[in-house]
Amino acid sequence: MKRGILVTVMSLIPLGIFSPGLVSFLWHTLHGNTAEYAGKRIPVPLRWYAHIESHSVQLSKLPITVFFLGEPHPVWSFLEPNPGHMTSSNSQEEIYQSFVNAYWTLRPKNDDIVSGPIRIAASGGEAICMKSSSQRNKDRVSAACLFFRGTWMAEFVGDETEISNFFQVISGTSSL
C-alpha cells in the first residue's frame, strides 16, 4: 500500500512540474496545428495553444515548467472588427495608412519606440503591421497588424524572440 502511494506521488510530481508545457501539448494533440474561428483557419505554433472567445481567438505560450510561471509570456489576440469597417469609399491602402498614422500618433505618447510599417505577404492579401517596444524594456515588444483588407486585426505582446512566430501566424492565416 505504501509503495503504491509512493509510486503515485512520484509520478504526479513531474506531471505537476511540467503541467504548463502539457497544456500546449494536449491542445495540439486534440486540435492539430490550427484553430478555426469566424471563417478563418489560424495556424498555432508548437508550444502555443489557442483559446476561442466570443469575439476573438487568443494564442498564448506558457513556460515548460511551473518554475517560470511568474515570468510574462507572449500573448496575442485576433479580433474581428465591425463588418462595416471596410466601405466602398475606403480603399485598402487608405485603411492601412489610417492605421499606421494612428499607431505612430498613439504609441509615442507612452514613450514607446515605434517601427513600421511592416508589410507581410498573407494568404488573404497583404498585411500591414506596426511594432513598438518600451524604452525601459526593449526585449518586450508590442505589435499590431491589419489584414484581410483591414477587416481583421491581430495584436501581440511578448518577448522579442517570439515576434517571428506572430508574423508567421499572420502570414499563414487563411479563409476556410
C-alpha atoms as a PDB file:
ATOM      1  CA  MET A   1       0.000   0.000   0.000  1.00  0.00           C
ATOM      2  CA  LYS A   2       2.729   2.482   0.989  1.00  0.00           C
ATOM      3  CA  ARG A   3       4.714   1.565  -2.114  1.00  0.00           C
ATOM      4  CA  GLY A   4       1.671   2.258  -4.319  1.00  0.00           C
ATOM      5  CA  ILE A   5       1.172   5.689  -2.757  1.00  0.00           C
ATOM      6  CA  LEU A   6       4.867   6.483  -3.142  1.00  0.00           C
ATOM      7  CA  VAL A   7       4.819   5.474  -6.834  1.00  0.00           C
ATOM      8  CA  THR A   8       1.687   7.568  -7.418  1.00  0.00           C
ATOM      9  CA  VAL A   9       3.172  10.644  -5.714  1.00  0.00           C
ATOM     10  CA  MET A  10       6.487  10.244  -7.545  1.00  0.00           C
ATOM     11  CA  SER A  11       4.549  10.029 -10.850  1.00  0.00           C
ATOM     12  CA  LEU A  12       2.425  13.086 -10.121  1.00  0.00           C
ATOM     13  CA  ILE A  13       5.322  15.370  -9.150  1.00  0.00           C
ATOM     14  CA  PRO A  14       6.814  15.506 -12.692  1.00  0.00           C
ATOM     15  CA  LEU A  15       3.306  15.964 -14.137  1.00  0.00           C
ATOM     16  CA  GLY A  16       2.759  18.916 -11.818  1.00  0.00           C
ATOM     17  CA  ILE A  17       6.128  20.450 -12.598  1.00  0.00           C
ATOM     18  CA  PHE A  18       5.646  20.165 -16.362  1.00  0.00           C
ATOM     19  CA  SER A  19       1.901  20.907 -16.388  1.00  0.00           C
ATOM     20  CA  PRO A  20       2.223  24.291 -18.192  1.00  0.00           C
ATOM     21  CA  GLY A  21       4.070  22.597 -21.053  1.00  0.00           C
ATOM     22  CA  LEU A  22       1.461  19.852 -21.139  1.00  0.00           C
ATOM     23  CA  VAL A  23      -1.297  22.393 -21.835  1.00  0.00           C
ATOM     24  CA  SER A  24       0.024  23.184 -25.314  1.00  0.00           C
ATOM     25  CA  PHE A  25       0.978  19.539 -25.959  1.00  0.00           C
ATOM     26  CA  LEU A  26      -2.567  18.395 -25.182  1.00  0.00           C
ATOM     27  CA  TRP A  27      -4.086  21.255 -27.184  1.00  0.00           C
ATOM     28  CA  HIS A  28      -2.077  20.283 -30.281  1.00  0.00           C
ATOM     29  CA  THR A  29      -2.914  16.600 -29.730  1.00  0.00           C
ATOM     30  CA  LEU A  30      -6.634  17.428 -29.738  1.00  0.00           C
ATOM     31  CA  HIS A  31      -6.722  20.171 -32.400  1.00  0.00           C
ATOM     32  CA  GLY A  32      -3.664  19.769 -34.614  1.00  0.00           C
ATOM     33  CA  ASN A  33      -1.775  22.908 -35.585  1.00  0.00           C
ATOM     34  CA  THR A  34      -4.685  25.212 -36.440  1.00  0.00           C
ATOM     35  CA  ALA A  35      -7.690  26.861 -34.840  1.00  0.00           C
ATOM     36  CA  GLU A  36     -10.823  27.727 -36.811  1.00  0.00           C
ATOM     37  CA  TYR A  37     -12.758  30.861 -35.995  1.00  0.00           C
ATOM     38  CA  ALA A  38     -15.187  33.126 -37.888  1.00  0.00           C
ATOM     39  CA  GLY A  39     -14.410  31.553 -41.262  1.00  0.00           C
ATOM     40  CA  LYS A  40     -10.632  31.658 -40.825  1.00  0.00           C
ATOM     41  CA  ARG A  41      -8.011  28.967 -40.255  1.00  0.00           C
ATOM     42  CA  ILE A  42      -5.337  30.261 -37.876  1.00  0.00           C
ATOM     43  CA  PRO A  43      -2.025  28.415 -37.520  1.00  0.00           C
ATOM     44  CA  VAL A  44      -0.975  27.729 -33.930  1.00  0.00           C
ATOM     45  CA  PRO A  45       2.800  27.391 -33.427  1.00  0.00           C
ATOM     46  CA  LEU A  46       4.153  24.464 -31.419  1.00  0.00           C
ATOM     47  CA  ARG A  47       4.313  25.174 -27.658  1.00  0.00           C
ATOM     48  CA  TRP A  48       1.399  27.634 -28.125  1.00  0.00           C
ATOM     49  CA  TYR A  49      -2.296  26.975 -27.624  1.00  0.00           C
ATOM     50  CA  ALA A  50      -5.475  28.744 -28.747  1.00  0.00           C
ATOM     51  CA  HIS A  51      -8.457  29.829 -26.695  1.00  0.00           C
ATOM     52  CA  ILE A  52     -11.561  30.809 -28.671  1.00  0.00           C
ATOM     53  CA  GLU A  53     -13.616  33.563 -27.089  1.00  0.00           C
ATOM     54  CA  SER A  54     -16.848  35.148 -28.299  1.00  0.00           C
ATOM     55  CA  HIS A  55     -15.134  37.973 -30.231  1.00  0.00           C
ATOM     56  CA  SER A  56     -11.559  36.753 -30.667  1.00  0.00           C
ATOM     57  CA  VAL A  57      -9.053  33.942 -30.670  1.00  0.00           C
ATOM     58  CA  GLN A  58      -6.284  34.273 -28.119  1.00  0.00           C
ATOM     59  CA  LEU A  59      -2.998  32.461 -28.680  1.00  0.00           C
ATOM     60  CA  SER A  60      -0.730  32.012 -25.664  1.00  0.00           C
ATOM     61  CA  LYS A  61       2.570  30.398 -24.853  1.00  0.00           C
ATOM     62  CA  LEU A  62       3.208  29.075 -21.361  1.00  0.00           C
ATOM     63  CA  PRO A  63       6.637  28.169 -19.980  1.00  0.00           C
ATOM     64  CA  ILE A  64       7.547  24.464 -19.959  1.00  0.00           C
ATOM     65  CA  THR A  65       7.650  24.193 -16.145  1.00  0.00           C
ATOM     66  CA  VAL A  66       5.930  25.807 -13.175  1.00  0.00           C
ATOM     67  CA  PHE A  67       9.245  27.335 -12.101  1.00  0.00           C
ATOM     68  CA  PHE A  68       8.902  30.017 -14.796  1.00  0.00           C
ATOM     69  CA  LEU A  69       5.188  30.847 -14.390  1.00  0.00           C
ATOM     70  CA  GLY A  70       5.992  34.208 -12.801  1.00  0.00           C
ATOM     71  CA  GLU A  71       7.661  35.417 -15.990  1.00  0.00           C
ATOM     72  CA  PRO A  72       5.431  37.169 -18.526  1.00  0.00           C
ATOM     73  CA  HIS A  73       4.657  35.035 -21.544  1.00  0.00           C
ATOM     74  CA  PRO A  74       3.744  36.177 -25.046  1.00  0.00           C
ATOM     75  CA  VAL A  75       0.084  36.548 -25.878  1.00  0.00           C
ATOM     76  CA  TRP A  76      -1.731  37.755 -28.926  1.00  0.00           C
ATOM     77  CA  SER A  77      -5.377  38.038 -29.844  1.00  0.00           C
ATOM     78  CA  PHE A  78      -7.163  38.092 -33.152  1.00  0.00           C
ATOM     79  CA  LEU A  79     -10.087  40.459 -33.261  1.00  0.00           C
ATOM     80  CA  GLU A  80     -12.726  40.758 -35.936  1.00  0.00           C
ATOM     81  CA  PRO A  81     -13.740  44.420 -36.187  1.00  0.00           C
ATOM     82  CA  ASN A  82     -17.202  45.595 -37.210  1.00  0.00           C
ATOM     83  CA  PRO A  83     -18.276  44.248 -40.611  1.00  0.00           C
ATOM     84  CA  GLY A  84     -18.873  47.827 -41.790  1.00  0.00           C
ATOM     85  CA  HIS A  85     -15.214  48.797 -41.266  1.00  0.00           C
ATOM     86  CA  MET A  86     -14.383  48.387 -44.971  1.00  0.00           C
ATOM     87  CA  THR A  87     -16.591  50.570 -47.143  1.00  0.00           C
ATOM     88  CA  SER A  88     -16.573  51.130 -50.868  1.00  0.00           C
ATOM     89  CA  SER A  89     -15.316  54.682 -50.288  1.00  0.00           C
ATOM     90  CA  ASN A  90     -12.245  53.437 -48.390  1.00  0.00           C
ATOM     91  CA  SER A  91      -9.551  51.607 -50.300  1.00  0.00           C
ATOM     92  CA  GLN A  92      -7.423  49.021 -48.554  1.00  0.00           C
ATOM     93  CA  GLU A  93      -4.442  51.369 -48.762  1.00  0.00           C
ATOM     94  CA  GLU A  94      -6.429  54.216 -47.148  1.00  0.00           C
ATOM     95  CA  ILE A  95      -7.452  51.956 -44.262  1.00  0.00           C
ATOM     96  CA  TYR A  96      -3.890  50.716 -43.826  1.00  0.00           C
ATOM     97  CA  GLN A  97      -2.476  54.261 -43.928  1.00  0.00           C
ATOM     98  CA  SER A  98      -5.002  55.416 -41.324  1.00  0.00           C
ATOM     99  CA  PHE A  99      -3.944  52.502 -39.086  1.00  0.00           C
ATOM    100  CA  VAL A 100      -0.236  53.368 -39.485  1.00  0.00           C
ATOM    101  CA  ASN A 101      -0.885  57.057 -38.733  1.00  0.00           C
ATOM    102  CA  ALA A 102      -2.884  56.210 -35.600  1.00  0.00           C
ATOM    103  CA  TYR A 103      -0.151  53.852 -34.357  1.00  0.00           C
ATOM    104  CA  TRP A 104       2.570  56.464 -34.910  1.00  0.00           C
ATOM    105  CA  THR A 105       0.423  59.049 -33.087  1.00  0.00           C
ATOM    106  CA  LEU A 106      -0.670  56.999 -30.058  1.00  0.00           C
ATOM    107  CA  ARG A 107       2.329  54.792 -29.228  1.00  0.00           C
ATOM    108  CA  PRO A 108       4.984  57.500 -28.708  1.00  0.00           C
ATOM    109  CA  LYS A 109       2.752  59.034 -26.024  1.00  0.00           C
ATOM    110  CA  ASN A 110       3.754  56.039 -23.867  1.00  0.00           C
ATOM    111  CA  ASP A 111       7.449  56.743 -24.637  1.00  0.00           C
ATOM    112  CA  ASP A 112       7.497  53.636 -26.839  1.00  0.00           C
ATOM    113  CA  ILE A 113       9.983  53.195 -29.669  1.00  0.00           C
ATOM    114  CA  VAL A 114       7.889  52.659 -32.807  1.00  0.00           C
ATOM    115  CA  SER A 115       8.874  50.988 -36.076  1.00  0.00           C
ATOM    116  CA  GLY A 116       6.953  50.253 -39.222  1.00  0.00           C
ATOM    117  CA  PRO A 117       5.016  49.916 -41.326  1.00  0.00           C
ATOM    118  CA  ILE A 118       5.989  46.288 -41.875  1.00  0.00           C
ATOM    119  CA  ARG A 119       4.336  44.703 -44.898  1.00  0.00           C
ATOM    120  CA  ILE A 120       3.743  40.949 -44.806  1.00  0.00           C
ATOM    121  CA  ALA A 121       2.505  38.738 -47.619  1.00  0.00           C
ATOM    122  CA  ALA A 122      -0.562  36.942 -46.288  1.00  0.00           C
ATOM    123  CA  SER A 123      -2.949  34.421 -47.799  1.00  0.00           C
ATOM    124  CA  GLY A 124      -5.820  36.937 -47.717  1.00  0.00           C
ATOM    125  CA  GLY A 125      -3.697  39.638 -49.358  1.00  0.00           C
ATOM    126  CA  GLU A 126      -1.117  41.900 -47.822  1.00  0.00           C
ATOM    127  CA  ALA A 127      -0.988  42.594 -44.090  1.00  0.00           C
ATOM    128  CA  ILE A 128       0.331  45.822 -42.621  1.00  0.00           C
ATOM    129  CA  CYS A 129       1.976  45.724 -39.190  1.00  0.00           C
ATOM    130  CA  MET A 130       3.459  48.153 -36.697  1.00  0.00           C
ATOM    131  CA  LYS A 131       5.820  47.307 -33.846  1.00  0.00           C
ATOM    132  CA  SER A 132       6.805  49.090 -30.650  1.00  0.00           C
ATOM    133  CA  SER A 133       8.942  48.483 -27.601  1.00  0.00           C
ATOM    134  CA  SER A 134       9.314  50.207 -24.277  1.00  0.00           C
ATOM    135  CA  GLN A 135      12.426  52.249 -23.691  1.00  0.00           C
ATOM    136  CA  ARG A 136      12.666  50.604 -20.257  1.00  0.00           C
ATOM    137  CA  ASN A 137      12.499  47.005 -21.549  1.00  0.00           C
ATOM    138  CA  LYS A 138      13.420  46.625 -25.205  1.00  0.00           C
ATOM    139  CA  ASP A 139      13.070  42.801 -25.057  1.00  0.00           C
ATOM    140  CA  ARG A 140       9.287  43.120 -24.592  1.00  0.00           C
ATOM    141  CA  VAL A 141       7.521  44.248 -27.738  1.00  0.00           C
ATOM    142  CA  SER A 142       4.025  45.003 -28.909  1.00  0.00           C
ATOM    143  CA  ALA A 143       2.824  44.680 -32.462  1.00  0.00           C
ATOM    144  CA  ALA A 144      -0.454  45.165 -34.267  1.00  0.00           C
ATOM    145  CA  CYS A 145      -1.417  44.096 -37.786  1.00  0.00           C
ATOM    146  CA  LEU A 146      -4.356  44.711 -40.086  1.00  0.00           C
ATOM    147  CA  PHE A 147      -5.089  42.019 -42.647  1.00  0.00           C
ATOM    148  CA  PHE A 148      -7.868  40.583 -44.814  1.00  0.00           C
ATOM    149  CA  ARG A 149      -8.316  44.032 -46.389  1.00  0.00           C
ATOM    150  CA  GLY A 150      -8.471  45.666 -42.967  1.00  0.00           C
ATOM    151  CA  THR A 151     -11.336  43.536 -41.637  1.00  0.00           C
ATOM    152  CA  TRP A 152      -9.130  41.600 -39.180  1.00  0.00           C
ATOM    153  CA  MET A 153      -6.690  42.913 -36.618  1.00  0.00           C
ATOM    154  CA  ALA A 154      -4.088  40.950 -34.670  1.00  0.00           C
ATOM    155  CA  GLU A 155      -2.182  42.166 -31.645  1.00  0.00           C
ATOM    156  CA  PHE A 156       0.936  40.779 -29.991  1.00  0.00           C
ATOM    157  CA  VAL A 157       2.525  41.472 -26.630  1.00  0.00           C
ATOM    158  CA  GLY A 158       5.552  39.451 -25.671  1.00  0.00           C
ATOM    159  CA  ASP A 159       9.213  38.714 -25.932  1.00  0.00           C
ATOM    160  CA  GLU A 160      11.135  39.965 -28.975  1.00  0.00           C
ATOM    161  CA  THR A 161      12.228  36.376 -29.706  1.00  0.00           C
ATOM    162  CA  GLU A 162       8.590  35.389 -30.421  1.00  0.00           C
ATOM    163  CA  ILE A 163       7.711  38.159 -32.890  1.00  0.00           C
ATOM    164  CA  SER A 164       8.670  35.974 -35.874  1.00  0.00           C
ATOM    165  CA  ASN A 165       6.080  33.378 -34.741  1.00  0.00           C
ATOM    166  CA  PHE A 166       3.476  36.137 -34.654  1.00  0.00           C
ATOM    167  CA  PHE A 167       4.307  37.290 -38.193  1.00  0.00           C
ATOM    168  CA  GLN A 168       4.180  33.645 -39.405  1.00  0.00           C
ATOM    169  CA  VAL A 169       0.694  33.303 -37.913  1.00  0.00           C
ATOM    170  CA  ILE A 170      -0.401  36.466 -39.737  1.00  0.00           C
ATOM    171  CA  SER A 171       1.113  35.197 -42.986  1.00  0.00           C
ATOM    172  CA  GLY A 172      -0.444  31.726 -42.624  1.00  0.00           C
ATOM    173  CA  THR A 173      -3.993  32.677 -41.575  1.00  0.00           C
ATOM    174  CA  SER A 174      -6.402  31.790 -44.363  1.00  0.00           C
ATOM    175  CA  SER A 175     -10.083  31.695 -45.165  1.00  0.00           C
ATOM    176  CA  LEU A 176     -11.850  28.358 -44.789  1.00  0.00           C
END
